[in-house]
N, C-alpha and C. Protein backbone atom coordinates (compact mmCIF):
# COMPACT_ATOMS: atom_id res chain seq x y z
N MET A 1 87.67 92.85 78.28
CA MET A 1 88.48 93.13 79.48
C MET A 1 88.02 94.44 79.97
N LYS A 2 87.67 94.45 81.36
CA LYS A 2 87.21 95.65 81.97
C LYS A 2 88.30 96.71 82.10
N MET A 3 87.92 97.93 81.88
CA MET A 3 88.88 99.02 82.06
C MET A 3 89.42 99.15 83.48
N ASP A 4 90.67 99.27 83.63
CA ASP A 4 91.30 99.67 84.93
C ASP A 4 91.04 101.18 85.16
N VAL A 5 90.51 101.50 86.28
CA VAL A 5 90.29 102.99 86.64
C VAL A 5 90.97 103.23 88.01
N LYS A 6 91.83 104.19 87.98
CA LYS A 6 92.52 104.54 89.23
C LYS A 6 92.02 105.94 89.64
N ILE A 7 91.53 106.01 90.82
CA ILE A 7 91.19 107.37 91.47
C ILE A 7 92.34 107.62 92.34
N CYS A 8 92.99 108.74 92.09
CA CYS A 8 94.27 109.07 92.82
C CYS A 8 94.04 110.30 93.71
N GLY A 9 94.91 110.35 94.74
CA GLY A 9 94.77 111.49 95.72
C GLY A 9 93.68 111.30 96.70
N LEU A 10 93.40 110.13 97.06
CA LEU A 10 92.24 109.90 98.02
C LEU A 10 92.72 110.26 99.46
N LYS A 11 91.80 110.88 100.25
CA LYS A 11 92.18 111.37 101.58
C LYS A 11 91.08 111.10 102.59
N THR A 12 89.85 110.70 102.18
CA THR A 12 88.74 110.56 103.14
C THR A 12 88.13 109.13 102.93
N ALA A 13 87.54 108.63 104.02
CA ALA A 13 86.83 107.34 103.99
C ALA A 13 85.70 107.42 103.00
N GLU A 14 84.96 108.50 102.94
CA GLU A 14 83.87 108.68 102.04
C GLU A 14 84.32 108.53 100.57
N ALA A 15 85.34 109.19 100.25
CA ALA A 15 85.85 109.14 98.80
C ALA A 15 86.40 107.73 98.47
N VAL A 16 87.11 107.20 99.36
CA VAL A 16 87.70 105.79 99.16
C VAL A 16 86.61 104.80 98.93
N GLU A 17 85.60 104.84 99.77
CA GLU A 17 84.49 103.89 99.70
C GLU A 17 83.77 104.15 98.40
N HIS A 18 83.47 105.39 98.04
CA HIS A 18 82.66 105.65 96.86
C HIS A 18 83.37 105.23 95.59
N ALA A 19 84.70 105.53 95.55
CA ALA A 19 85.48 105.24 94.43
C ALA A 19 85.49 103.70 94.10
N VAL A 20 85.58 102.88 95.16
CA VAL A 20 85.61 101.47 94.94
C VAL A 20 84.20 100.98 94.65
N ALA A 21 83.21 101.54 95.27
CA ALA A 21 81.85 101.14 95.04
C ALA A 21 81.37 101.39 93.54
N ARG A 22 82.01 102.44 93.07
CA ARG A 22 81.73 102.76 91.58
C ARG A 22 82.55 101.94 90.61
N GLY A 23 83.51 101.23 91.07
CA GLY A 23 84.27 100.27 90.20
C GLY A 23 85.76 100.61 90.09
N ALA A 24 86.31 101.51 90.93
CA ALA A 24 87.71 101.74 90.83
C ALA A 24 88.51 100.44 91.08
N SER A 25 89.42 100.18 90.16
CA SER A 25 90.33 99.00 90.33
C SER A 25 91.58 99.36 91.07
N HIS A 26 91.96 100.66 91.14
CA HIS A 26 93.10 101.07 91.83
C HIS A 26 92.72 102.34 92.64
N ALA A 27 93.28 102.38 93.95
CA ALA A 27 93.11 103.53 94.71
C ALA A 27 94.50 104.14 95.05
N GLY A 28 94.70 105.39 94.80
CA GLY A 28 95.95 106.02 94.86
C GLY A 28 96.10 106.91 96.09
N PHE A 29 97.18 106.76 96.80
CA PHE A 29 97.41 107.66 97.97
C PHE A 29 98.78 108.37 97.70
N ILE A 30 98.73 109.67 97.85
CA ILE A 30 99.89 110.48 97.49
C ILE A 30 100.72 110.95 98.64
N PHE A 31 101.99 110.68 98.60
CA PHE A 31 102.91 110.99 99.64
C PHE A 31 103.97 112.03 99.09
N PHE A 32 103.54 113.24 99.03
CA PHE A 32 104.36 114.26 98.53
C PHE A 32 103.90 115.62 99.14
N PRO A 33 104.69 116.10 100.12
CA PRO A 33 104.16 117.25 100.99
C PRO A 33 103.73 118.45 100.20
N LYS A 34 104.21 118.75 98.96
CA LYS A 34 103.80 119.89 98.25
C LYS A 34 102.48 119.76 97.59
N SER A 35 101.88 118.58 97.58
CA SER A 35 100.65 118.32 96.97
C SER A 35 99.46 118.56 97.92
N PRO A 36 98.36 119.18 97.43
CA PRO A 36 97.20 119.34 98.23
C PRO A 36 96.49 117.92 98.53
N ARG A 37 96.98 116.92 97.87
CA ARG A 37 96.42 115.48 98.09
C ARG A 37 97.38 114.71 99.00
N ASN A 38 98.38 115.35 99.57
CA ASN A 38 99.30 114.63 100.39
C ASN A 38 98.61 114.06 101.65
N ILE A 39 99.00 112.84 102.05
CA ILE A 39 98.38 112.19 103.15
C ILE A 39 99.50 111.52 103.98
N GLU A 40 99.35 111.42 105.27
CA GLU A 40 100.28 110.82 106.15
C GLU A 40 100.16 109.28 106.02
N PRO A 41 101.26 108.55 106.10
CA PRO A 41 101.26 107.10 105.86
C PRO A 41 100.26 106.39 106.76
N ASP A 42 100.26 106.71 108.04
CA ASP A 42 99.31 106.02 108.93
C ASP A 42 97.80 106.31 108.57
N ASP A 43 97.57 107.55 108.12
CA ASP A 43 96.16 107.82 107.75
C ASP A 43 95.78 107.05 106.52
N ALA A 44 96.75 107.01 105.56
CA ALA A 44 96.40 106.21 104.33
C ALA A 44 96.31 104.82 104.62
N GLY A 45 97.07 104.23 105.56
CA GLY A 45 96.96 102.81 105.84
C GLY A 45 95.61 102.47 106.50
N ARG A 46 95.10 103.41 107.27
CA ARG A 46 93.69 103.15 107.87
C ARG A 46 92.63 103.14 106.79
N LEU A 47 92.79 104.11 105.87
CA LEU A 47 91.85 104.14 104.68
C LEU A 47 91.91 102.89 103.76
N ALA A 48 93.19 102.45 103.60
CA ALA A 48 93.36 101.32 102.68
C ALA A 48 92.79 100.09 103.28
N GLU A 49 92.77 99.90 104.54
CA GLU A 49 92.23 98.71 105.12
C GLU A 49 90.67 98.60 104.89
N ARG A 50 90.12 99.67 104.59
CA ARG A 50 88.63 99.67 104.22
C ARG A 50 88.36 98.96 102.90
N ILE A 51 89.28 98.99 102.09
CA ILE A 51 89.06 98.51 100.64
C ILE A 51 90.05 97.53 100.25
N ARG A 52 90.94 97.04 101.12
CA ARG A 52 91.94 96.07 100.73
C ARG A 52 91.29 94.79 100.18
N GLY A 53 91.80 94.36 99.12
CA GLY A 53 91.19 93.19 98.51
C GLY A 53 90.11 93.48 97.45
N ARG A 54 89.58 94.70 97.54
CA ARG A 54 88.60 95.13 96.55
C ARG A 54 89.20 96.05 95.46
N ALA A 55 90.33 96.58 95.73
CA ALA A 55 91.02 97.42 94.77
C ALA A 55 92.51 97.40 95.07
N LYS A 56 93.35 97.64 94.06
CA LYS A 56 94.81 97.66 94.24
C LYS A 56 95.16 98.87 94.99
N ILE A 57 95.95 98.83 95.98
CA ILE A 57 96.40 99.98 96.75
C ILE A 57 97.67 100.56 96.13
N VAL A 58 97.69 101.75 95.81
CA VAL A 58 98.87 102.39 95.15
C VAL A 58 99.50 103.48 95.89
N ALA A 59 100.79 103.38 96.24
CA ALA A 59 101.49 104.40 96.85
C ALA A 59 102.19 105.24 95.93
N VAL A 60 101.88 106.50 95.82
CA VAL A 60 102.43 107.51 94.88
C VAL A 60 103.48 108.31 95.45
N THR A 61 104.68 108.24 95.07
CA THR A 61 105.79 108.97 95.66
C THR A 61 106.61 109.78 94.54
N VAL A 62 107.31 110.73 95.02
CA VAL A 62 108.07 111.56 94.06
C VAL A 62 109.55 111.61 94.63
N ASP A 63 110.42 110.87 93.94
CA ASP A 63 111.83 110.83 94.31
C ASP A 63 112.03 110.58 95.89
N ALA A 64 111.21 109.68 96.40
CA ALA A 64 111.28 109.33 97.81
C ALA A 64 112.61 108.51 98.12
N ASP A 65 113.22 108.73 99.27
CA ASP A 65 114.29 108.04 99.61
C ASP A 65 113.86 106.76 100.36
N ASN A 66 114.85 105.89 100.71
CA ASN A 66 114.50 104.56 101.29
C ASN A 66 113.75 104.74 102.60
N ASP A 67 114.19 105.75 103.39
CA ASP A 67 113.57 105.90 104.76
C ASP A 67 112.13 106.19 104.56
N ASP A 68 111.78 107.13 103.65
CA ASP A 68 110.36 107.41 103.35
C ASP A 68 109.61 106.25 102.84
N LEU A 69 110.19 105.58 101.94
CA LEU A 69 109.54 104.37 101.38
C LEU A 69 109.34 103.31 102.48
N ASP A 70 110.26 103.09 103.40
CA ASP A 70 110.14 102.19 104.39
C ASP A 70 108.86 102.56 105.23
N GLU A 71 108.67 103.77 105.58
CA GLU A 71 107.58 104.23 106.41
C GLU A 71 106.29 104.03 105.63
N ILE A 72 106.28 104.38 104.33
CA ILE A 72 105.04 104.34 103.55
C ILE A 72 104.69 102.88 103.40
N VAL A 73 105.60 101.98 103.06
CA VAL A 73 105.35 100.58 102.74
C VAL A 73 104.92 99.93 104.01
N SER A 74 105.46 100.25 105.10
CA SER A 74 105.13 99.63 106.40
C SER A 74 103.63 99.94 106.84
N ALA A 75 103.30 101.31 106.71
CA ALA A 75 102.03 101.76 107.08
C ALA A 75 100.87 101.37 106.12
N LEU A 76 101.20 101.53 104.81
CA LEU A 76 100.15 101.33 103.82
C LEU A 76 99.95 99.91 103.29
N LYS A 77 101.09 99.17 103.29
CA LYS A 77 101.13 97.76 102.69
C LYS A 77 100.51 97.79 101.22
N PRO A 78 101.14 98.68 100.39
CA PRO A 78 100.56 98.83 99.05
C PRO A 78 100.77 97.67 98.15
N ASP A 79 99.89 97.51 97.19
CA ASP A 79 100.09 96.54 96.18
C ASP A 79 101.03 96.97 95.07
N ILE A 80 101.14 98.23 94.83
CA ILE A 80 101.92 98.85 93.74
C ILE A 80 102.58 100.10 94.27
N LEU A 81 103.84 100.37 93.87
CA LEU A 81 104.52 101.52 94.07
C LEU A 81 104.48 102.37 92.75
N GLN A 82 103.98 103.63 92.84
CA GLN A 82 104.04 104.48 91.69
C GLN A 82 105.07 105.49 91.86
N LEU A 83 106.10 105.52 91.03
CA LEU A 83 107.18 106.43 91.13
C LEU A 83 106.95 107.59 90.08
N HIS A 84 106.72 108.76 90.71
CA HIS A 84 106.35 109.90 89.87
C HIS A 84 107.26 111.02 89.78
N GLY A 85 108.53 110.67 90.03
CA GLY A 85 109.54 111.67 89.98
C GLY A 85 110.49 111.47 88.86
N SER A 86 111.78 111.77 89.13
CA SER A 86 112.82 111.55 88.09
C SER A 86 113.60 110.31 88.30
N GLU A 87 112.97 109.31 88.92
CA GLU A 87 113.62 108.06 89.16
C GLU A 87 114.12 107.33 87.88
N ASP A 88 115.41 107.03 87.82
CA ASP A 88 115.99 106.40 86.64
C ASP A 88 115.80 104.84 86.74
N PRO A 89 116.13 104.18 85.65
CA PRO A 89 115.85 102.74 85.67
C PRO A 89 116.64 102.07 86.85
N GLU A 90 117.87 102.48 87.09
CA GLU A 90 118.63 101.88 88.16
C GLU A 90 117.87 102.05 89.55
N ARG A 91 117.25 103.20 89.75
CA ARG A 91 116.55 103.45 91.01
C ARG A 91 115.29 102.52 91.07
N VAL A 92 114.67 102.34 89.95
CA VAL A 92 113.49 101.49 89.83
C VAL A 92 113.92 100.04 90.25
N LEU A 93 115.04 99.57 89.73
CA LEU A 93 115.44 98.24 89.96
C LEU A 93 115.82 98.08 91.44
N THR A 94 116.37 99.07 92.08
CA THR A 94 116.71 99.11 93.51
C THR A 94 115.46 99.03 94.32
N VAL A 95 114.42 99.82 94.00
CA VAL A 95 113.12 99.89 94.72
C VAL A 95 112.45 98.48 94.61
N LYS A 96 112.46 97.94 93.48
CA LYS A 96 111.80 96.62 93.29
C LYS A 96 112.49 95.58 94.10
N ALA A 97 113.93 95.66 94.13
CA ALA A 97 114.61 94.62 94.91
C ALA A 97 114.42 94.68 96.41
N ILE A 98 114.29 95.93 96.87
CA ILE A 98 114.07 96.14 98.27
C ILE A 98 112.74 95.76 98.73
N TYR A 99 111.72 96.18 98.02
CA TYR A 99 110.29 95.99 98.51
C TYR A 99 109.54 94.86 97.88
N GLY A 100 110.05 94.33 96.70
CA GLY A 100 109.36 93.20 96.07
C GLY A 100 108.00 93.49 95.62
N LEU A 101 107.74 94.71 95.20
CA LEU A 101 106.46 95.21 94.78
C LEU A 101 106.50 95.58 93.34
N PRO A 102 105.42 95.44 92.56
CA PRO A 102 105.40 96.02 91.26
C PRO A 102 105.54 97.49 91.22
N VAL A 103 106.12 98.06 90.20
CA VAL A 103 106.35 99.52 90.10
C VAL A 103 105.69 100.00 88.82
N MET A 104 105.02 101.09 89.03
CA MET A 104 104.44 101.83 87.87
C MET A 104 105.15 103.17 87.78
N LYS A 105 105.78 103.40 86.63
CA LYS A 105 106.64 104.55 86.51
C LYS A 105 105.93 105.65 85.71
N ALA A 106 105.77 106.80 86.24
CA ALA A 106 105.14 107.94 85.59
C ALA A 106 106.14 108.62 84.63
N LEU A 107 105.75 108.90 83.50
CA LEU A 107 106.52 109.74 82.54
C LEU A 107 105.64 110.89 82.04
N SER A 108 106.23 112.01 82.00
CA SER A 108 105.49 113.25 81.50
C SER A 108 105.61 113.43 80.00
N ILE A 109 104.53 113.63 79.36
CA ILE A 109 104.50 113.69 77.94
C ILE A 109 104.05 115.14 77.46
N ARG A 110 104.75 115.68 76.60
CA ARG A 110 104.31 116.98 75.92
C ARG A 110 104.53 116.82 74.36
N GLU A 111 105.56 116.20 73.92
CA GLU A 111 105.89 116.06 72.48
C GLU A 111 106.33 114.61 72.22
N ALA A 112 106.41 114.35 70.91
CA ALA A 112 106.75 112.92 70.40
C ALA A 112 108.01 112.40 71.05
N SER A 113 108.98 113.34 71.07
CA SER A 113 110.26 112.79 71.60
C SER A 113 110.24 112.34 73.06
N ASP A 114 109.27 112.73 73.82
CA ASP A 114 109.13 112.29 75.19
C ASP A 114 108.96 110.83 75.31
N LEU A 115 108.34 110.25 74.25
CA LEU A 115 108.12 108.75 74.20
C LEU A 115 109.39 108.00 74.19
N ASP A 116 110.49 108.64 73.77
CA ASP A 116 111.78 108.01 73.65
C ASP A 116 112.27 107.61 75.11
N ARG A 117 111.76 108.19 76.08
CA ARG A 117 112.19 107.93 77.41
C ARG A 117 111.70 106.57 77.97
N ILE A 118 110.82 106.00 77.15
CA ILE A 118 110.20 104.68 77.57
C ILE A 118 111.32 103.60 77.59
N ASP A 119 112.09 103.63 76.48
CA ASP A 119 112.94 102.49 76.14
C ASP A 119 113.79 101.98 77.28
N PRO A 120 114.47 102.90 78.03
CA PRO A 120 115.35 102.38 79.14
C PRO A 120 114.64 101.61 80.22
N TYR A 121 113.32 101.88 80.33
CA TYR A 121 112.55 101.28 81.43
C TYR A 121 111.87 99.94 80.99
N LEU A 122 111.89 99.64 79.71
CA LEU A 122 111.23 98.44 79.23
C LEU A 122 111.86 97.24 79.87
N GLY A 123 110.98 96.29 80.31
CA GLY A 123 111.47 95.14 81.04
C GLY A 123 111.80 95.35 82.48
N ILE A 124 111.71 96.60 82.93
CA ILE A 124 112.00 96.95 84.29
C ILE A 124 110.73 97.32 85.03
N VAL A 125 109.96 98.27 84.52
CA VAL A 125 108.77 98.69 85.18
C VAL A 125 107.72 97.71 84.79
N ASP A 126 106.65 97.64 85.66
CA ASP A 126 105.52 96.70 85.39
C ASP A 126 104.42 97.42 84.54
N ARG A 127 104.38 98.69 84.67
CA ARG A 127 103.43 99.51 83.92
C ARG A 127 103.90 100.97 83.83
N PHE A 128 103.58 101.62 82.81
CA PHE A 128 103.86 103.07 82.72
C PHE A 128 102.61 103.83 83.03
N LEU A 129 102.77 105.04 83.53
CA LEU A 129 101.63 105.99 83.64
C LEU A 129 102.09 107.24 82.80
N PHE A 130 101.30 107.57 81.83
CA PHE A 130 101.67 108.72 80.98
C PHE A 130 100.80 109.95 81.46
N ASP A 131 101.50 110.96 81.88
CA ASP A 131 100.88 112.11 82.45
C ASP A 131 101.28 113.28 81.59
N ALA A 132 100.64 114.45 81.67
CA ALA A 132 101.05 115.63 80.98
C ALA A 132 102.22 116.31 81.67
N LYS A 133 103.06 116.99 81.03
CA LYS A 133 104.13 117.72 81.66
C LYS A 133 103.44 118.90 82.44
N PRO A 134 103.84 119.21 83.63
CA PRO A 134 103.31 120.33 84.41
C PRO A 134 103.49 121.67 83.72
N PRO A 135 102.50 122.54 83.91
CA PRO A 135 102.72 123.83 83.43
C PRO A 135 103.78 124.66 84.03
N ALA A 136 104.30 125.61 83.42
CA ALA A 136 105.47 126.42 83.97
C ALA A 136 105.04 127.03 85.37
N GLY A 137 105.94 126.79 86.23
CA GLY A 137 105.71 127.34 87.67
C GLY A 137 105.12 126.36 88.56
N SER A 138 104.65 125.25 88.15
CA SER A 138 104.04 124.25 89.01
C SER A 138 105.00 123.42 89.74
N GLU A 139 104.80 123.21 91.01
CA GLU A 139 105.69 122.39 91.79
C GLU A 139 105.19 120.96 91.85
N LEU A 140 104.09 120.61 91.25
CA LEU A 140 103.51 119.27 91.23
C LEU A 140 103.84 118.55 89.92
N PRO A 141 104.37 117.35 89.98
CA PRO A 141 104.59 116.61 88.78
C PRO A 141 103.38 116.03 88.17
N GLY A 142 102.26 115.98 88.89
CA GLY A 142 100.95 115.56 88.40
C GLY A 142 99.84 116.27 89.10
N GLY A 143 98.56 115.94 88.71
CA GLY A 143 97.53 116.48 89.37
C GLY A 143 97.30 117.96 89.15
N ASN A 144 97.78 118.34 87.90
CA ASN A 144 97.69 119.76 87.55
C ASN A 144 96.44 120.06 86.62
N GLY A 145 95.67 119.08 86.34
CA GLY A 145 94.43 119.26 85.49
C GLY A 145 94.74 119.55 84.03
N VAL A 146 95.89 119.26 83.49
CA VAL A 146 96.26 119.47 82.16
C VAL A 146 96.45 118.21 81.39
N SER A 147 96.15 118.23 80.13
CA SER A 147 96.32 117.05 79.24
C SER A 147 97.38 117.23 78.33
N PHE A 148 97.81 116.16 77.60
CA PHE A 148 98.71 116.20 76.50
C PHE A 148 98.01 115.76 75.23
N ASP A 149 98.58 115.90 74.11
CA ASP A 149 98.05 115.54 72.80
C ASP A 149 97.98 114.03 72.79
N TRP A 150 96.85 113.41 72.99
CA TRP A 150 96.73 111.93 73.03
C TRP A 150 97.13 111.24 71.74
N ARG A 151 97.09 112.04 70.59
CA ARG A 151 97.46 111.46 69.34
C ARG A 151 98.96 111.01 69.32
N LEU A 152 99.73 111.61 70.18
CA LEU A 152 101.13 111.25 70.29
C LEU A 152 101.27 109.73 70.53
N LEU A 153 100.36 109.17 71.20
CA LEU A 153 100.39 107.76 71.54
C LEU A 153 100.15 106.76 70.40
N ASP A 154 99.85 107.35 69.21
CA ASP A 154 99.75 106.58 67.95
C ASP A 154 101.05 105.86 67.66
N ALA A 155 102.11 106.54 68.06
CA ALA A 155 103.50 105.99 67.70
C ALA A 155 103.94 104.91 68.72
N LEU A 156 103.14 104.66 69.69
CA LEU A 156 103.55 103.74 70.83
C LEU A 156 103.44 102.33 70.34
N ASP A 157 104.40 101.51 70.70
CA ASP A 157 104.37 100.09 70.51
C ASP A 157 103.18 99.48 71.24
N GLY A 158 102.42 98.73 70.59
CA GLY A 158 101.22 98.14 71.20
C GLY A 158 101.43 97.30 72.41
N SER A 159 102.67 96.79 72.52
CA SER A 159 102.92 95.94 73.65
C SER A 159 103.19 96.66 74.95
N VAL A 160 103.29 97.98 74.91
CA VAL A 160 103.61 98.79 76.06
C VAL A 160 102.36 98.92 76.96
N ASP A 161 102.45 98.49 78.15
CA ASP A 161 101.28 98.53 79.15
C ASP A 161 101.39 99.83 79.83
N TYR A 162 100.32 100.58 79.69
CA TYR A 162 100.33 101.92 80.29
C TYR A 162 98.91 102.33 80.88
N MET A 163 98.93 103.27 81.78
CA MET A 163 97.76 103.88 82.30
C MET A 163 97.70 105.37 81.84
N LEU A 164 96.66 105.84 81.24
CA LEU A 164 96.60 107.12 80.79
C LEU A 164 96.12 108.12 81.80
N SER A 165 96.84 109.22 82.02
CA SER A 165 96.55 110.19 83.01
C SER A 165 96.72 111.64 82.40
N GLY A 166 96.49 112.58 83.21
CA GLY A 166 96.68 113.96 82.79
C GLY A 166 95.40 114.72 82.45
N GLY A 167 94.75 115.36 83.35
CA GLY A 167 93.58 116.12 83.12
C GLY A 167 92.38 115.47 82.70
N LEU A 168 92.25 114.17 82.95
CA LEU A 168 91.12 113.43 82.53
C LEU A 168 89.93 113.72 83.40
N ASN A 169 88.70 113.87 82.76
CA ASN A 169 87.48 114.14 83.48
C ASN A 169 86.32 113.56 82.66
N ALA A 170 85.14 113.82 83.19
CA ALA A 170 83.89 113.27 82.55
C ALA A 170 83.80 113.86 81.09
N GLU A 171 84.17 115.07 80.92
CA GLU A 171 83.92 115.68 79.63
C GLU A 171 84.90 115.19 78.51
N ASN A 172 86.11 114.82 78.88
CA ASN A 172 87.06 114.42 77.84
C ASN A 172 87.52 112.99 77.86
N ILE A 173 87.05 112.18 78.78
CA ILE A 173 87.51 110.83 78.82
C ILE A 173 87.05 110.03 77.61
N GLY A 174 85.84 110.34 77.10
CA GLY A 174 85.41 109.59 75.88
C GLY A 174 86.34 109.80 74.71
N GLU A 175 86.70 111.00 74.46
CA GLU A 175 87.59 111.40 73.35
C GLU A 175 88.97 110.77 73.59
N ALA A 176 89.43 110.82 74.88
CA ALA A 176 90.80 110.23 75.13
C ALA A 176 90.84 108.75 74.84
N LEU A 177 89.80 108.11 75.19
CA LEU A 177 89.78 106.63 75.02
C LEU A 177 89.58 106.27 73.58
N ALA A 178 88.80 107.09 72.89
CA ALA A 178 88.54 106.88 71.43
C ALA A 178 89.86 107.03 70.62
N LEU A 179 90.65 108.05 71.00
CA LEU A 179 91.89 108.30 70.33
C LEU A 179 93.00 107.35 70.66
N THR A 180 93.04 106.90 71.93
CA THR A 180 94.15 106.10 72.32
C THR A 180 93.90 104.58 72.50
N GLY A 181 92.60 104.21 72.72
CA GLY A 181 92.35 102.86 73.00
C GLY A 181 92.88 102.36 74.31
N ALA A 182 93.23 103.29 75.20
CA ALA A 182 93.80 102.96 76.49
C ALA A 182 92.86 102.02 77.23
N ARG A 183 93.42 101.10 77.97
CA ARG A 183 92.71 100.10 78.85
C ARG A 183 92.89 100.37 80.25
N ALA A 184 93.49 101.50 80.64
CA ALA A 184 93.65 101.86 82.01
C ALA A 184 93.72 103.31 82.11
N VAL A 185 92.99 103.99 83.05
CA VAL A 185 93.01 105.42 83.20
C VAL A 185 93.15 105.85 84.56
N ASP A 186 93.60 107.05 84.77
CA ASP A 186 93.85 107.59 86.11
C ASP A 186 93.30 109.05 86.13
N THR A 187 92.65 109.37 87.28
CA THR A 187 92.27 110.73 87.42
C THR A 187 92.35 111.17 88.86
N SER A 188 92.60 112.43 89.09
CA SER A 188 92.61 113.00 90.40
C SER A 188 91.88 114.32 90.43
N SER A 189 92.53 115.35 89.87
CA SER A 189 91.86 116.67 89.77
C SER A 189 90.57 116.61 89.00
N GLY A 190 90.38 115.70 88.14
CA GLY A 190 89.22 115.58 87.30
C GLY A 190 87.97 115.24 88.05
N VAL A 191 88.07 114.80 89.27
CA VAL A 191 86.88 114.43 90.05
C VAL A 191 86.98 115.21 91.47
N GLU A 192 87.46 116.47 91.38
CA GLU A 192 87.55 117.33 92.53
C GLU A 192 86.80 118.62 92.32
N SER A 193 86.22 119.11 93.36
CA SER A 193 85.60 120.40 93.40
C SER A 193 86.56 121.57 93.78
N ALA A 194 87.68 121.14 94.38
CA ALA A 194 88.82 122.09 94.73
C ALA A 194 90.02 121.18 94.86
N PRO A 195 91.26 121.74 94.74
CA PRO A 195 92.46 120.95 94.89
C PRO A 195 92.41 120.09 96.12
N GLY A 196 92.50 118.81 95.95
CA GLY A 196 92.51 117.80 97.10
C GLY A 196 91.16 117.45 97.65
N VAL A 197 90.07 117.99 97.09
CA VAL A 197 88.71 117.75 97.62
C VAL A 197 87.95 116.98 96.64
N LYS A 198 87.83 115.64 96.86
CA LYS A 198 87.05 114.78 95.99
C LYS A 198 85.60 115.13 96.02
N ASP A 199 84.92 115.13 94.87
CA ASP A 199 83.58 115.44 94.77
C ASP A 199 82.89 114.12 94.28
N LEU A 200 81.87 113.66 95.03
CA LEU A 200 81.26 112.34 94.66
C LEU A 200 80.48 112.39 93.40
N LYS A 201 79.88 113.54 93.22
CA LYS A 201 79.07 113.69 91.96
C LYS A 201 79.94 113.69 90.72
N LEU A 202 81.12 114.39 90.80
CA LEU A 202 82.04 114.43 89.74
C LEU A 202 82.69 113.01 89.51
N MET A 203 82.79 112.31 90.62
CA MET A 203 83.37 110.87 90.50
C MET A 203 82.28 109.99 89.71
N ASP A 204 80.99 110.25 90.10
CA ASP A 204 79.94 109.49 89.43
C ASP A 204 79.98 109.82 87.95
N ALA A 205 80.07 110.98 87.62
CA ALA A 205 80.03 111.49 86.18
C ALA A 205 81.17 110.86 85.43
N PHE A 206 82.37 110.79 86.11
CA PHE A 206 83.51 110.22 85.44
C PHE A 206 83.39 108.73 85.21
N PHE A 207 82.93 107.95 86.10
CA PHE A 207 82.72 106.56 86.04
C PHE A 207 81.59 106.32 84.96
N ASP A 208 80.62 107.12 84.96
CA ASP A 208 79.52 106.97 83.97
C ASP A 208 80.06 107.17 82.53
N ALA A 209 80.93 108.19 82.40
CA ALA A 209 81.56 108.53 81.08
C ALA A 209 82.54 107.42 80.62
N VAL A 210 83.29 106.87 81.60
CA VAL A 210 84.24 105.81 81.32
C VAL A 210 83.49 104.59 80.81
N ARG A 211 82.39 104.23 81.45
CA ARG A 211 81.65 103.09 81.02
C ARG A 211 80.97 103.22 79.65
N ARG A 212 80.55 104.45 79.40
CA ARG A 212 79.96 104.71 78.06
C ARG A 212 81.04 104.63 77.01
N ALA A 213 82.20 105.12 77.34
CA ALA A 213 83.24 105.06 76.33
C ALA A 213 83.76 103.65 76.19
N GLU A 214 83.84 102.98 77.24
CA GLU A 214 84.27 101.60 77.21
C GLU A 214 83.39 100.72 76.33
N ALA A 215 82.12 100.93 76.41
CA ALA A 215 81.11 100.18 75.66
C ALA A 215 81.29 100.36 74.20
N ALA A 216 81.75 101.59 73.86
CA ALA A 216 81.90 102.02 72.44
C ALA A 216 83.29 101.54 71.85
N LEU A 217 84.16 101.09 72.62
CA LEU A 217 85.50 100.60 72.10
C LEU A 217 85.39 99.28 71.38
N PRO A 218 86.05 99.11 70.31
CA PRO A 218 86.10 97.85 69.65
C PRO A 218 86.60 96.73 70.65
N ARG A 219 85.89 95.58 70.47
CA ARG A 219 86.34 94.50 71.44
C ARG A 219 87.53 93.78 70.82
N PRO A 220 88.40 93.18 71.67
CA PRO A 220 89.55 92.45 71.14
C PRO A 220 89.16 91.40 70.12
N GLY A 221 89.83 91.45 68.96
CA GLY A 221 89.50 90.45 67.84
C GLY A 221 88.38 90.94 66.95
N SER A 222 87.73 92.14 67.27
CA SER A 222 86.78 92.66 66.46
C SER A 222 87.37 93.26 65.20
N LYS A 223 86.67 93.25 64.10
CA LYS A 223 87.12 93.80 62.84
C LYS A 223 86.63 95.18 62.64
N THR A 224 85.91 95.72 63.59
CA THR A 224 85.41 97.11 63.51
C THR A 224 86.40 98.03 64.19
């Protein structure tokens, strides 16, 4: 099974096209004004049309209300809604009922007890995204370039479908995949030369590292 790779925080045609050309399965557009990766819905919609059908279009929001979601969904026509705020299971159910779209719920991880937050969302969300908790003083729930202790995921039930995020880059993705066996990964700041500025060479290095790590992972059913 080929690894799912999400490049998040895309803002330019060049970055969008390059990400998909290199094999991105998911393209993330961030709608959060405090983020350097924030994009207007109409601009994101125009970019998404360039790659629609070649990658899943993901709308990333943070505690967005229905009015904001209406505008985003209308302009972007996403395949997936990523809820990256404090949305509780009831809010997730409401969003799914209104928009009829799969939901990926981001949870911030720092210590083992943070994994307990998974249980109320089981059977409700379509996939989790595990990110690192933001450093003190940060106003961003993600995209901070920090990682968490990937060994914490050893305690995770193997049936939980998740995307690994949090400070992933070409230098550490091999270790992250070796420790977790994750089959889906997400990066944003790890392929940037400055906050919000995607770097095509860093993107290339990341995809090259993912493919090397993917080739080294045990295949399903393998005894090794």
